[in-house]
Amino acid sequence: MERENARLGAGAGGRYVPNSIPAQAVDAIAAAMAADGIAPAHGVATLVADGKLHRYRVDGDEAGSCAGWYVIHLDDIPAAAYGSWKHRVSKTWRAPSPASAAQQQQNRQRMDTARRQREAKQTRRQQQAAAEAASLWARTRPADPTHPYLQAEGVPPLHARQLGDSLVLPLYDFDGRLNSLQFIYSDGSKRLLSGSRKRGCFIPVAGRAGTASRLLLCEEWATGASLRQLDPPTLVLAAVDANNLRPVAEGARRRWPRLPLVVYADADAQGERKARLAALAVGGHVAIPDVGDMNDAAQAARGEE
């Protein structure tokens, strides 16, 4: 019944309801093709809405013919281009914008419903991942100081743990909940626990807020471990990547409003930009090494000694 209700295509005497389910848009495009005399031989079910050029046999053409062509986009306002070289047809189609306040309200409600469904699904996945993180974390052991990654980065294990051959680092939120784990392999490759929450979560590298002179925030754990070696009285957090610097900085500022905060950037375009934005958002400072990250700088300094 849902599919039948969707067959309201403009060009076939029907009415297209804008910004509704994709099936309605594809049905409307197929109806417009039919109105222009180049309907797909095998019906609307054969149309692929992926933004790429496709060939098809026009209804009534001989078997094996692919004179028809189309491109369908369903992002934002659905649109299409279609035609047939044989039939000398070249047309475009675009869904109309909502024509009434009622249609706009209906569209907002539909989008809100879809958003809530996506958010609920994401929350369930993150809760499941958090439970898995707790189970795996309970099975870890203290990290071996001779682990190849620690040796390569020239840092001690600090609070890192190990599971099998992988280093394991916990990601907490500012309420103290374990949300995810980062696994670091012997070759230096990294991954987060699938389906877990990262935004606003951090790896506690070293230090305590109650005794720290300031808070140092960086992207990767090894960078934070090097910062700890250079400045032991500090609280050091790692945000995992540049995109997470600002959410972690904002969470840290809410949690410790009086603690001076320095964001250490990686010396690349994105690292610098994201670090500056994070520091600006919380009234902090930015530190940028000449090259690489602070771990690279620390290793270079040790090599010069």
C-alpha atoms as a PDB file:
ATOM      1  CA  MET A   1       0.000   0.000   0.000  1.00  0.00           C
ATOM      2  CA  GLU A   2       2.875   2.389   0.795  1.00  0.00           C
ATOM      3  CA  ARG A   3       4.322   1.867  -2.670  1.00  0.00           C
ATOM      4  CA  GLU A   4       0.955   2.484  -4.331  1.00  0.00           C
ATOM      5  CA  ASN A   5       0.446   5.664  -2.347  1.00  0.00           C
ATOM      6  CA  ALA A   6       3.845   6.861  -3.576  1.00  0.00           C
ATOM      7  CA  ARG A   7       2.759   6.834  -7.220  1.00  0.00           C
ATOM      8  CA  LEU A   8       1.806  10.466  -7.417  1.00  0.00           C
ATOM      9  CA  GLY A   9       4.223  11.601 -10.097  1.00  0.00           C
ATOM     10  CA  ALA A  10       4.139  14.992 -11.740  1.00  0.00           C
ATOM     11  CA  GLY A  11       3.885  14.599 -15.503  1.00  0.00           C
ATOM     12  CA  ALA A  12       1.385  11.763 -15.215  1.00  0.00           C
ATOM     13  CA  GLY A  13      -1.436  13.830 -13.807  1.00  0.00           C
ATOM     14  CA  GLY A  14      -0.431  13.059 -10.235  1.00  0.00           C
ATOM     15  CA  ARG A  15       0.929  15.218  -7.424  1.00  0.00           C
ATOM     16  CA  TYR A  16       4.409  14.905  -5.965  1.00  0.00           C
ATOM     17  CA  VAL A  17       4.655  15.490  -2.202  1.00  0.00           C
ATOM     18  CA  PRO A  18       8.032  17.283  -1.842  1.00  0.00           C
ATOM     19  CA  ASN A  19      10.781  16.206   0.519  1.00  0.00           C
ATOM     20  CA  SER A  20       9.036  12.974   1.432  1.00  0.00           C
ATOM     21  CA  ILE A  21      10.270   9.419   1.183  1.00  0.00           C
ATOM     22  CA  PRO A  22      12.746   8.676  -1.652  1.00  0.00           C
ATOM     23  CA  ALA A  23      10.296   6.224  -3.253  1.00  0.00           C
ATOM     24  CA  GLN A  24       7.960   9.097  -4.055  1.00  0.00           C
ATOM     25  CA  ALA A  25      10.723  11.046  -5.781  1.00  0.00           C
ATOM     26  CA  VAL A  26      11.794   8.065  -7.889  1.00  0.00           C
ATOM     27  CA  ASP A  27       8.186   7.309  -8.769  1.00  0.00           C
ATOM     28  CA  ALA A  28       7.689  10.928  -9.822  1.00  0.00           C
ATOM     29  CA  ILE A  29      10.803  10.803 -12.016  1.00  0.00           C
ATOM     30  CA  ALA A  30       9.623   7.577 -13.657  1.00  0.00           C
ATOM     31  CA  ALA A  31       6.213   9.167 -14.290  1.00  0.00           C
ATOM     32  CA  ALA A  32       7.891  12.193 -15.893  1.00  0.00           C
ATOM     33  CA  MET A  33       9.894   9.851 -18.137  1.00  0.00           C
ATOM     34  CA  ALA A  34       6.691   8.123 -19.177  1.00  0.00           C
ATOM     35  CA  ALA A  35       5.000  11.454 -19.904  1.00  0.00           C
ATOM     36  CA  ASP A  36       7.905  12.296 -22.224  1.00  0.00           C
ATOM     37  CA  GLY A  37       7.583   8.961 -24.028  1.00  0.00           C
ATOM     38  CA  ILE A  38      10.687   7.240 -22.701  1.00  0.00           C
ATOM     39  CA  ALA A  39       9.439   5.139 -19.778  1.00  0.00           C
ATOM     40  CA  PRO A  40      11.831   2.453 -18.475  1.00  0.00           C
ATOM     41  CA  ALA A  41      10.949  -0.887 -20.058  1.00  0.00           C
ATOM     42  CA  HIS A  42      11.167  -2.706 -16.734  1.00  0.00           C
ATOM     43  CA  GLY A  43       9.478  -0.076 -14.598  1.00  0.00           C
ATOM     44  CA  VAL A  44      10.454   2.180 -11.743  1.00  0.00           C
ATOM     45  CA  ALA A  45      12.082  -0.620  -9.745  1.00  0.00           C
ATOM     46  CA  THR A  46      15.069  -0.600 -12.117  1.00  0.00           C
ATOM     47  CA  LEU A  47      15.968   3.061 -11.459  1.00  0.00           C
ATOM     48  CA  VAL A  48      19.056   3.644  -9.304  1.00  0.00           C
ATOM     49  CA  ALA A  49      19.302   6.948  -7.404  1.00  0.00           C
ATOM     50  CA  ASP A  50      23.049   7.202  -6.780  1.00  0.00           C
ATOM     51  CA  GLY A  51      23.975  10.369  -8.665  1.00  0.00           C
ATOM     52  CA  LYS A  52      25.660   8.399 -11.474  1.00  0.00           C
ATOM     53  CA  LEU A  53      24.812   8.079 -15.156  1.00  0.00           C
ATOM     54  CA  HIS A  54      22.830   4.953 -16.032  1.00  0.00           C
ATOM     55  CA  ARG A  55      21.596   3.539 -19.343  1.00  0.00           C
ATOM     56  CA  TYR A  56      18.280   1.743 -19.769  1.00  0.00           C
ATOM     57  CA  ARG A  57      15.973   0.254 -22.374  1.00  0.00           C
ATOM     58  CA  VAL A  58      13.036   2.480 -23.231  1.00  0.00           C
ATOM     59  CA  ASP A  59       9.657   0.796 -23.097  1.00  0.00           C
ATOM     60  CA  GLY A  60       8.799  -0.387 -26.628  1.00  0.00           C
ATOM     61  CA  ASP A  61      12.396  -0.547 -27.865  1.00  0.00           C
ATOM     62  CA  GLU A  62      13.916  -3.797 -29.047  1.00  0.00           C
ATOM     63  CA  ALA A  63      15.560  -6.113 -26.521  1.00  0.00           C
ATOM     64  CA  GLY A  64      19.154  -5.188 -25.810  1.00  0.00           C
ATOM     65  CA  SER A  65      18.675  -1.531 -26.682  1.00  0.00           C
ATOM     66  CA  CYS A  66      19.913   1.023 -24.153  1.00  0.00           C
ATOM     67  CA  ALA A  67      19.011   4.315 -25.771  1.00  0.00           C
ATOM     68  CA  GLY A  68      17.672   5.820 -22.544  1.00  0.00           C
ATOM     69  CA  TRP A  69      19.839   7.477 -19.919  1.00  0.00           C
ATOM     70  CA  TYR A  70      19.345   9.136 -16.537  1.00  0.00           C
ATOM     71  CA  VAL A  71      21.036  10.582 -13.460  1.00  0.00           C
ATOM     72  CA  ILE A  72      19.072  10.821 -10.193  1.00  0.00           C
ATOM     73  CA  HIS A  73      20.071  12.771  -7.059  1.00  0.00           C
ATOM     74  CA  LEU A  74      18.056  12.478  -3.842  1.00  0.00           C
ATOM     75  CA  ASP A  75      20.140  14.806  -1.652  1.00  0.00           C
ATOM     76  CA  ASP A  76      18.294  17.862  -0.341  1.00  0.00           C
ATOM     77  CA  ILE A  77      15.651  18.590  -3.013  1.00  0.00           C
ATOM     78  CA  PRO A  78      15.492  15.526  -5.320  1.00  0.00           C
ATOM     79  CA  ALA A  79      16.454  16.168  -8.942  1.00  0.00           C
ATOM     80  CA  ALA A  80      17.141  14.224 -12.123  1.00  0.00           C
ATOM     81  CA  ALA A  81      18.252  14.530 -15.720  1.00  0.00           C
ATOM     82  CA  TYR A  82      17.080  11.976 -18.266  1.00  0.00           C
ATOM     83  CA  GLY A  83      16.632  11.435 -21.957  1.00  0.00           C
ATOM     84  CA  SER A  84      17.083   9.204 -24.978  1.00  0.00           C
ATOM     85  CA  TRP A  85      19.405   9.739 -27.892  1.00  0.00           C
ATOM     86  CA  LYS A  86      17.185   7.602 -30.094  1.00  0.00           C
ATOM     87  CA  HIS A  87      14.003   9.480 -29.204  1.00  0.00           C
ATOM     88  CA  ARG A  88      15.691  12.890 -29.145  1.00  0.00           C
ATOM     89  CA  VAL A  89      14.557  13.637 -25.610  1.00  0.00           C
ATOM     90  CA  SER A  90      16.636  15.488 -23.027  1.00  0.00           C
ATOM     91  CA  LYS A  91      14.875  16.670 -19.876  1.00  0.00           C
ATOM     92  CA  THR A  92      15.490  17.688 -16.297  1.00  0.00           C
ATOM     93  CA  TRP A  93      13.228  17.172 -13.290  1.00  0.00           C
ATOM     94  CA  ARG A  94      13.330  18.827  -9.889  1.00  0.00           C
ATOM     95  CA  ALA A  95      11.065  18.330  -6.918  1.00  0.00           C
ATOM     96  CA  PRO A  96       9.140  21.460  -5.980  1.00  0.00           C
ATOM     97  CA  SER A  97       9.757  23.166  -2.663  1.00  0.00           C
ATOM     98  CA  PRO A  98       6.964  22.854  -0.119  1.00  0.00           C
ATOM     99  CA  ALA A  99       4.089  25.010  -1.308  1.00  0.00           C
ATOM    100  CA  SER A 100       2.289  25.521   1.971  1.00  0.00           C
ATOM    101  CA  ALA A 101       2.929  25.987   5.665  1.00  0.00           C
ATOM    102  CA  ALA A 102       1.190  22.677   6.303  1.00  0.00           C
ATOM    103  CA  GLN A 103       3.591  20.863   3.958  1.00  0.00           C
ATOM    104  CA  GLN A 104       6.565  22.558   5.592  1.00  0.00           C
ATOM    105  CA  GLN A 105       5.337  21.527   9.026  1.00  0.00           C
ATOM    106  CA  GLN A 106       4.778  17.982   7.818  1.00  0.00           C
ATOM    107  CA  ASN A 107       8.308  17.896   6.442  1.00  0.00           C
ATOM    108  CA  ARG A 108       9.776  19.234   9.708  1.00  0.00           C
ATOM    109  CA  GLN A 109       7.890  16.600  11.675  1.00  0.00           C
ATOM    110  CA  ARG A 110       9.098  13.883   9.340  1.00  0.00           C
ATOM    111  CA  MET A 111      12.694  15.055   9.637  1.00  0.00           C
ATOM    112  CA  ASP A 112      12.411  15.336  13.434  1.00  0.00           C
ATOM    113  CA  THR A 113      11.074  11.791  13.606  1.00  0.00           C
ATOM    114  CA  ALA A 114      13.925  10.521  11.449  1.00  0.00           C
ATOM    115  CA  ARG A 115      16.460  12.406  13.563  1.00  0.00           C
ATOM    116  CA  ARG A 116      15.076  10.966  16.799  1.00  0.00           C
ATOM    117  CA  GLN A 117      15.182   7.479  15.348  1.00  0.00           C
ATOM    118  CA  ARG A 118      18.808   7.929  14.261  1.00  0.00           C
ATOM    119  CA  GLU A 119      19.784   9.339  17.649  1.00  0.00           C
ATOM    120  CA  ALA A 120      18.052   6.526  19.520  1.00  0.00           C
ATOM    121  CA  LYS A 121      19.815   3.948  17.360  1.00  0.00           C
ATOM    122  CA  GLN A 122      23.155   5.662  17.909  1.00  0.00           C
ATOM    123  CA  THR A 123      22.588   5.787  21.677  1.00  0.00           C
ATOM    124  CA  ARG A 124      21.836   2.063  21.766  1.00  0.00           C
ATOM    125  CA  ARG A 125      25.002   1.312  19.794  1.00  0.00           C
ATOM    126  CA  GLN A 126      27.097   3.487  22.089  1.00  0.00           C
ATOM    127  CA  GLN A 127      25.638   1.853  25.193  1.00  0.00           C
ATOM    128  CA  GLN A 128      26.439  -1.587  23.811  1.00  0.00           C
ATOM    129  CA  ALA A 129      29.960  -0.450  22.938  1.00  0.00           C
ATOM    130  CA  ALA A 130      30.457   0.972  26.452  1.00  0.00           C
ATOM    131  CA  ALA A 131      29.450  -2.362  27.966  1.00  0.00           C
ATOM    132  CA  GLU A 132      31.876  -4.155  25.655  1.00  0.00           C
ATOM    133  CA  ALA A 133      34.610  -1.667  26.586  1.00  0.00           C
ATOM    134  CA  ALA A 134      34.129  -2.398  30.289  1.00  0.00           C
ATOM    135  CA  SER A 135      34.294  -6.134  29.657  1.00  0.00           C
ATOM    136  CA  LEU A 136      37.475  -5.900  27.596  1.00  0.00           C
ATOM    137  CA  TRP A 137      39.111  -3.415  29.982  1.00  0.00           C
ATOM    138  CA  ALA A 138      38.611  -5.853  32.850  1.00  0.00           C
ATOM    139  CA  ARG A 139      40.677  -8.421  30.932  1.00  0.00           C
ATOM    140  CA  THR A 140      43.680  -6.149  30.314  1.00  0.00           C
ATOM    141  CA  ARG A 141      47.016  -6.252  32.099  1.00  0.00           C
ATOM    142  CA  PRO A 142      49.667  -3.558  32.684  1.00  0.00           C
ATOM    143  CA  ALA A 143      51.396  -2.687  29.425  1.00  0.00           C
ATOM    144  CA  ASP A 144      54.806  -4.178  28.702  1.00  0.00           C
ATOM    145  CA  PRO A 145      57.365  -1.317  28.658  1.00  0.00           C
ATOM    146  CA  THR A 146      59.108  -3.068  25.750  1.00  0.00           C
ATOM    147  CA  HIS A 147      56.012  -2.993  23.537  1.00  0.00           C
ATOM    148  CA  PRO A 148      57.162  -1.997  20.013  1.00  0.00           C
ATOM    149  CA  TYR A 149      54.955   1.095  19.911  1.00  0.00           C
ATOM    150  CA  LEU A 150      56.262   2.394  23.235  1.00  0.00           C
ATOM    151  CA  GLN A 151      59.815   1.750  22.106  1.00  0.00           C
ATOM    152  CA  ALA A 152      59.231   3.508  18.785  1.00  0.00           C
ATOM    153  CA  GLU A 153      57.655   6.550  20.442  1.00  0.00           C
ATOM    154  CA  GLY A 154      60.168   6.668  23.279  1.00  0.00           C
ATOM    155  CA  VAL A 155      57.547   6.907  26.037  1.00  0.00           C
ATOM    156  CA  PRO A 156      56.754   4.903  29.184  1.00  0.00           C
ATOM    157  CA  PRO A 157      53.475   2.975  29.459  1.00  0.00           C
ATOM    158  CA  LEU A 158      52.064   5.220  32.215  1.00  0.00           C
ATOM    159  CA  HIS A 159      48.458   4.014  32.651  1.00  0.00           C
ATOM    160  CA  ALA A 160      48.282   2.137  29.346  1.00  0.00           C
ATOM    161  CA  ARG A 161      47.115  -1.458  29.521  1.00  0.00           C
ATOM    162  CA  GLN A 162      47.590  -4.392  27.191  1.00  0.00           C
ATOM    163  CA  LEU A 163      45.351  -7.086  25.736  1.00  0.00           C
ATOM    164  CA  GLY A 164      47.171  -9.676  23.688  1.00  0.00           C
ATOM    165  CA  ASP A 165      49.715  -7.810  21.589  1.00  0.00           C
ATOM    166  CA  SER A 166      47.738  -4.557  21.596  1.00  0.00           C
ATOM    167  CA  LEU A 167      48.073  -1.567  23.849  1.00  0.00           C
ATOM    168  CA  VAL A 168      44.673  -0.535  25.218  1.00  0.00           C
ATOM    169  CA  LEU A 169      43.738   3.014  26.219  1.00  0.00           C
ATOM    170  CA  PRO A 170      40.409   4.011  27.819  1.00  0.00           C
ATOM    171  CA  LEU A 171      38.187   6.876  26.674  1.00  0.00           C
ATOM    172  CA  TYR A 172      36.176   8.529  29.454  1.00  0.00           C
ATOM    173  CA  ASP A 173      33.624  11.317  29.471  1.00  0.00           C
ATOM    174  CA  PHE A 174      33.750  14.091  32.070  1.00  0.00           C
ATOM    175  CA  ASP A 175      31.258  12.240  34.253  1.00  0.00           C
ATOM    176  CA  GLY A 176      33.807   9.463  34.653  1.00  0.00           C
ATOM    177  CA  ARG A 177      32.058   6.913  32.435  1.00  0.00           C
ATOM    178  CA  LEU A 178      34.119   4.560  30.289  1.00  0.00           C
ATOM    179  CA  ASN A 179      32.789   4.925  26.736  1.00  0.00           C
ATOM    180  CA  SER A 180      35.343   3.336  24.452  1.00  0.00           C
ATOM    181  CA  LEU A 181      38.800   1.859  24.060  1.00  0.00           C
ATOM    182  CA  GLN A 182      41.595   2.682  21.665  1.00  0.00           C
ATOM    183  CA  PHE A 183      43.743  -0.224  20.514  1.00  0.00           C
ATOM    184  CA  ILE A 184      47.299   0.442  19.346  1.00  0.00           C
ATOM    185  CA  TYR A 185      49.073  -2.349  17.501  1.00  0.00           C
ATOM    186  CA  SER A 186      52.763  -3.123  17.249  1.00  0.00           C
ATOM    187  CA  ASP A 187      53.019  -1.421  13.864  1.00  0.00           C
ATOM    188  CA  GLY A 188      51.541   1.799  15.266  1.00  0.00           C
ATOM    189  CA  SER A 189      48.113   1.444  13.661  1.00  0.00           C
ATOM    190  CA  LYS A 190      45.150   2.412  15.832  1.00  0.00           C
ATOM    191  CA  ARG A 191      41.437   1.784  16.037  1.00  0.00           C
ATOM    192  CA  LEU A 192      38.564   2.649  18.335  1.00  0.00           C
ATOM    193  CA  LEU A 193      36.012   0.157  19.545  1.00  0.00           C
ATOM    194  CA  SER A 194      33.357  -0.101  16.858  1.00  0.00           C
ATOM    195  CA  GLY A 195      30.131   1.809  17.487  1.00  0.00           C
ATOM    196  CA  SER A 196      31.498   3.672  20.496  1.00  0.00           C
ATOM    197  CA  ARG A 197      31.250   7.321  21.424  1.00  0.00           C
ATOM    198  CA  LYS A 198      34.307   9.493  20.829  1.00  0.00           C
ATOM    199  CA  ARG A 199      33.038  13.075  20.760  1.00  0.00           C
ATOM    200  CA  GLY A 200      33.801  14.837  24.025  1.00  0.00           C
ATOM    201  CA  CYS A 201      35.627  11.790  25.425  1.00  0.00           C
ATOM    202  CA  PHE A 202      39.323  11.701  26.272  1.00  0.00           C
ATOM    203  CA  ILE A 203      42.193   9.435  27.186  1.00  0.00           C
ATOM    204  CA  PRO A 204      43.579  10.356  30.642  1.00  0.00           C
ATOM    205  CA  VAL A 205      47.327  10.342  30.034  1.00  0.00           C
ATOM    206  CA  ALA A 206      48.692  11.438  33.417  1.00  0.00           C
ATOM    207  CA  GLY A 207      48.233  13.752  36.379  1.00  0.00           C
ATOM    208  CA  ARG A 208      45.440  14.793  38.733  1.00  0.00           C
ATOM    209  CA  ALA A 209      43.339  17.917  38.448  1.00  0.00           C
ATOM    210  CA  GLY A 210      43.573  18.604  42.191  1.00  0.00           C
ATOM    211  CA  THR A 211      47.370  18.927  42.150  1.00  0.00           C
ATOM    212  CA  ALA A 212      48.021  19.984  38.533  1.00  0.00           C
ATOM    213  CA  SER A 213      49.451  23.405  37.721  1.00  0.00           C
ATOM    214  CA  ARG A 214      47.665  23.404  34.365  1.00  0.00           C
ATOM    215  CA  LEU A 215      45.902  21.172  31.855  1.00  0.00           C
ATOM    216  CA  LEU A 216      47.601  20.131  28.617  1.00  0.00           C
ATOM    217  CA  LEU A 217      45.414  18.828  25.804  1.00  0.00           C
ATOM    218  CA  CYS A 218      46.726  17.101  22.687  1.00  0.00           C
ATOM    219  CA  GLU A 219      45.556  14.746  19.968  1.00  0.00           C
ATOM    220  CA  GLU A 220      47.358  11.429  20.500  1.00  0.00           C
ATOM    221  CA  TRP A 221      48.258   9.543  23.654  1.00  0.00           C
ATOM    222  CA  ALA A 222      51.987   9.286  22.791  1.00  0.00           C
ATOM    223  CA  THR A 223      52.127  13.067  22.394  1.00  0.00           C
ATOM    224  CA  GLY A 224      50.561  13.389  25.829  1.00  0.00           C
ATOM    225  CA  ALA A 225      53.060  10.940  27.301  1.00  0.00           C
ATOM    226  CA  SER A 226      55.905  13.104  25.962  1.00  0.00           C
ATOM    227  CA  LEU A 227      54.278  16.226  27.400  1.00  0.00           C
ATOM    228  CA  ARG A 228      54.108  14.520  30.766  1.00  0.00           C
ATOM    229  CA  GLN A 229      57.840  13.836  30.644  1.00  0.00           C
ATOM    230  CA  LEU A 230      58.545  17.478  29.836  1.00  0.00           C
ATOM    231  CA  ASP A 231      56.174  18.920  32.451  1.00  0.00           C
ATOM    232  CA  PRO A 232      55.408  16.404  35.246  1.00  0.00           C
ATOM    233  CA  PRO A 233      53.108  18.593  37.437  1.00  0.00           C
ATOM    234  CA  THR A 234      50.482  18.847  34.695  1.00  0.00           C
ATOM    235  CA  LEU A 235      47.204  17.105  33.956  1.00  0.00           C
ATOM    236  CA  VAL A 236      47.426  15.682  30.434  1.00  0.00           C
ATOM    237  CA  LEU A 237      44.485  14.547  28.306  1.00  0.00           C
ATOM    238  CA  ALA A 238      44.479  13.163  24.754  1.00  0.00           C
ATOM    239  CA  ALA A 239      41.510  13.815  22.491  1.00  0.00           C
ATOM    240  CA  VAL A 240      42.369  11.047  19.961  1.00  0.00           C
ATOM    241  CA  ASP A 241      42.223  13.365  16.932  1.00  0.00           C
ATOM    242  CA  ALA A 242      42.059  17.022  15.901  1.00  0.00           C
ATOM    243  CA  ASN A 243      38.288  17.064  15.400  1.00  0.00           C
ATOM    244  CA  ASN A 244      37.758  16.124  19.038  1.00  0.00           C
ATOM    245  CA  LEU A 245      40.011  18.820  20.520  1.00  0.00           C
ATOM    246  CA  ARG A 246      37.294  21.433  20.904  1.00  0.00           C
ATOM    247  CA  PRO A 247      34.637  19.133  22.457  1.00  0.00           C
ATOM    248  CA  VAL A 248      37.195  17.890  24.984  1.00  0.00           C
ATOM    249  CA  ALA A 249      38.477  21.397  25.692  1.00  0.00           C
ATOM    250  CA  GLU A 250      34.927  22.611  26.333  1.00  0.00           C
ATOM    251  CA  GLY A 251      34.223  19.663  28.617  1.00  0.00           C
ATOM    252  CA  ALA A 252      37.457  20.281  30.513  1.00  0.00           C
ATOM    253  CA  ARG A 253      36.654  23.961  30.945  1.00  0.00           C
ATOM    254  CA  ARG A 254      33.232  23.122  32.412  1.00  0.00           C
ATOM    255  CA  ARG A 255      34.759  20.508  34.705  1.00  0.00           C
ATOM    256  CA  TRP A 256      37.758  22.587  35.840  1.00  0.00           C
ATOM    257  CA  PRO A 257      36.897  26.239  35.151  1.00  0.00           C
ATOM    258  CA  ARG A 258      39.952  27.715  36.916  1.00  0.00           C
ATOM    259  CA  LEU A 259      42.633  25.369  35.613  1.00  0.00           C
ATOM    260  CA  PRO A 260      44.866  27.021  32.940  1.00  0.00           C
ATOM    261  CA  LEU A 261      44.545  25.122  29.671  1.00  0.00           C
ATOM    262  CA  VAL A 262      47.009  24.739  26.793  1.00  0.00           C
ATOM    263  CA  VAL A 263      46.114  22.989  23.538  1.00  0.00           C
ATOM    264  CA  TYR A 264      49.115  21.378  21.860  1.00  0.00           C
ATOM    265  CA  ALA A 265      48.667  21.205  18.100  1.00  0.00           C
ATOM    266  CA  ASP A 266      50.157  18.851  15.577  1.00  0.00           C
ATOM    267  CA  ALA A 267      52.168  20.894  13.083  1.00  0.00           C
ATOM    268  CA  ASP A 268      49.869  20.405  10.100  1.00  0.00           C
ATOM    269  CA  ALA A 269      47.153  22.619   8.649  1.00  0.00           C
ATOM    270  CA  GLN A 270      44.216  20.825  10.231  1.00  0.00           C
ATOM    271  CA  GLY A 271      45.960  20.250  13.547  1.00  0.00           C
ATOM    272  CA  GLU A 272      46.838  23.914  13.918  1.00  0.00           C
ATOM    273  CA  ARG A 273      43.400  25.153  12.869  1.00  0.00           C
ATOM    274  CA  LYS A 274      41.517  22.798  15.160  1.00  0.00           C
ATOM    275  CA  ALA A 275      43.822  23.524  18.090  1.00  0.00           C
ATOM    276  CA  ARG A 276      43.381  27.273  17.676  1.00  0.00           C
ATOM    277  CA  LEU A 277      39.605  26.909  17.526  1.00  0.00           C
ATOM    278  CA  ALA A 278      39.621  24.750  20.642  1.00  0.00           C
ATOM    279  CA  ALA A 279      41.760  27.205  22.586  1.00  0.00           C
ATOM    280  CA  LEU A 280      39.699  30.168  21.429  1.00  0.00           C
ATOM    281  CA  ALA A 281      36.477  28.481  22.537  1.00  0.00           C
ATOM    282  CA  VAL A 282      37.683  28.099  26.126  1.00  0.00           C
ATOM    283  CA  GLY A 283      40.032  31.025  26.581  1.00  0.00           C
ATOM    284  CA  GLY A 284      43.091  28.784  26.512  1.00  0.00           C
ATOM    285  CA  HIS A 285      46.505  28.959  24.877  1.00  0.00           C
ATOM    286  CA  VAL A 286      47.967  27.175  21.852  1.00  0.00           C
ATOM    287  CA  ALA A 287      51.395  25.596  21.503  1.00  0.00           C
ATOM    288  CA  ILE A 288      52.637  24.496  18.077  1.00  0.00           C
ATOM    289  CA  PRO A 289      55.881  22.571  17.488  1.00  0.00           C
ATOM    290  CA  ASP A 290      58.113  23.417  14.543  1.00  0.00           C
ATOM    291  CA  VAL A 291      57.385  20.067  12.914  1.00  0.00           C
ATOM    292  CA  GLY A 292      55.315  16.946  13.627  1.00  0.00           C
ATOM    293  CA  ASP A 293      53.930  16.810  17.165  1.00  0.00           C
ATOM    294  CA  MET A 294      55.356  17.199  20.653  1.00  0.00           C
ATOM    295  CA  ASN A 295      56.414  13.567  20.686  1.00  0.00           C
ATOM    296  CA  ASP A 296      58.535  14.211  17.586  1.00  0.00           C
ATOM    297  CA  ALA A 297      59.938  17.335  19.214  1.00  0.00           C
ATOM    298  CA  ALA A 298      60.769  15.461  22.421  1.00  0.00           C
ATOM    299  CA  GLN A 299      62.514  12.660  20.539  1.00  0.00           C
ATOM    300  CA  ALA A 300      64.486  15.197  18.509  1.00  0.00           C
ATOM    301  CA  ALA A 301      65.554  16.960  21.721  1.00  0.00           C
ATOM    302  CA  ARG A 302      66.691  13.677  23.248  1.00  0.00           C
ATOM    303  CA  GLY A 303      68.686  12.914  20.111  1.00  0.00           C
ATOM    304  CA  GLU A 304      70.566  16.215  20.450  1.00  0.00           C
ATOM    305  CA  GLU A 305      71.572  15.565  24.044  1.00  0.00           C
END
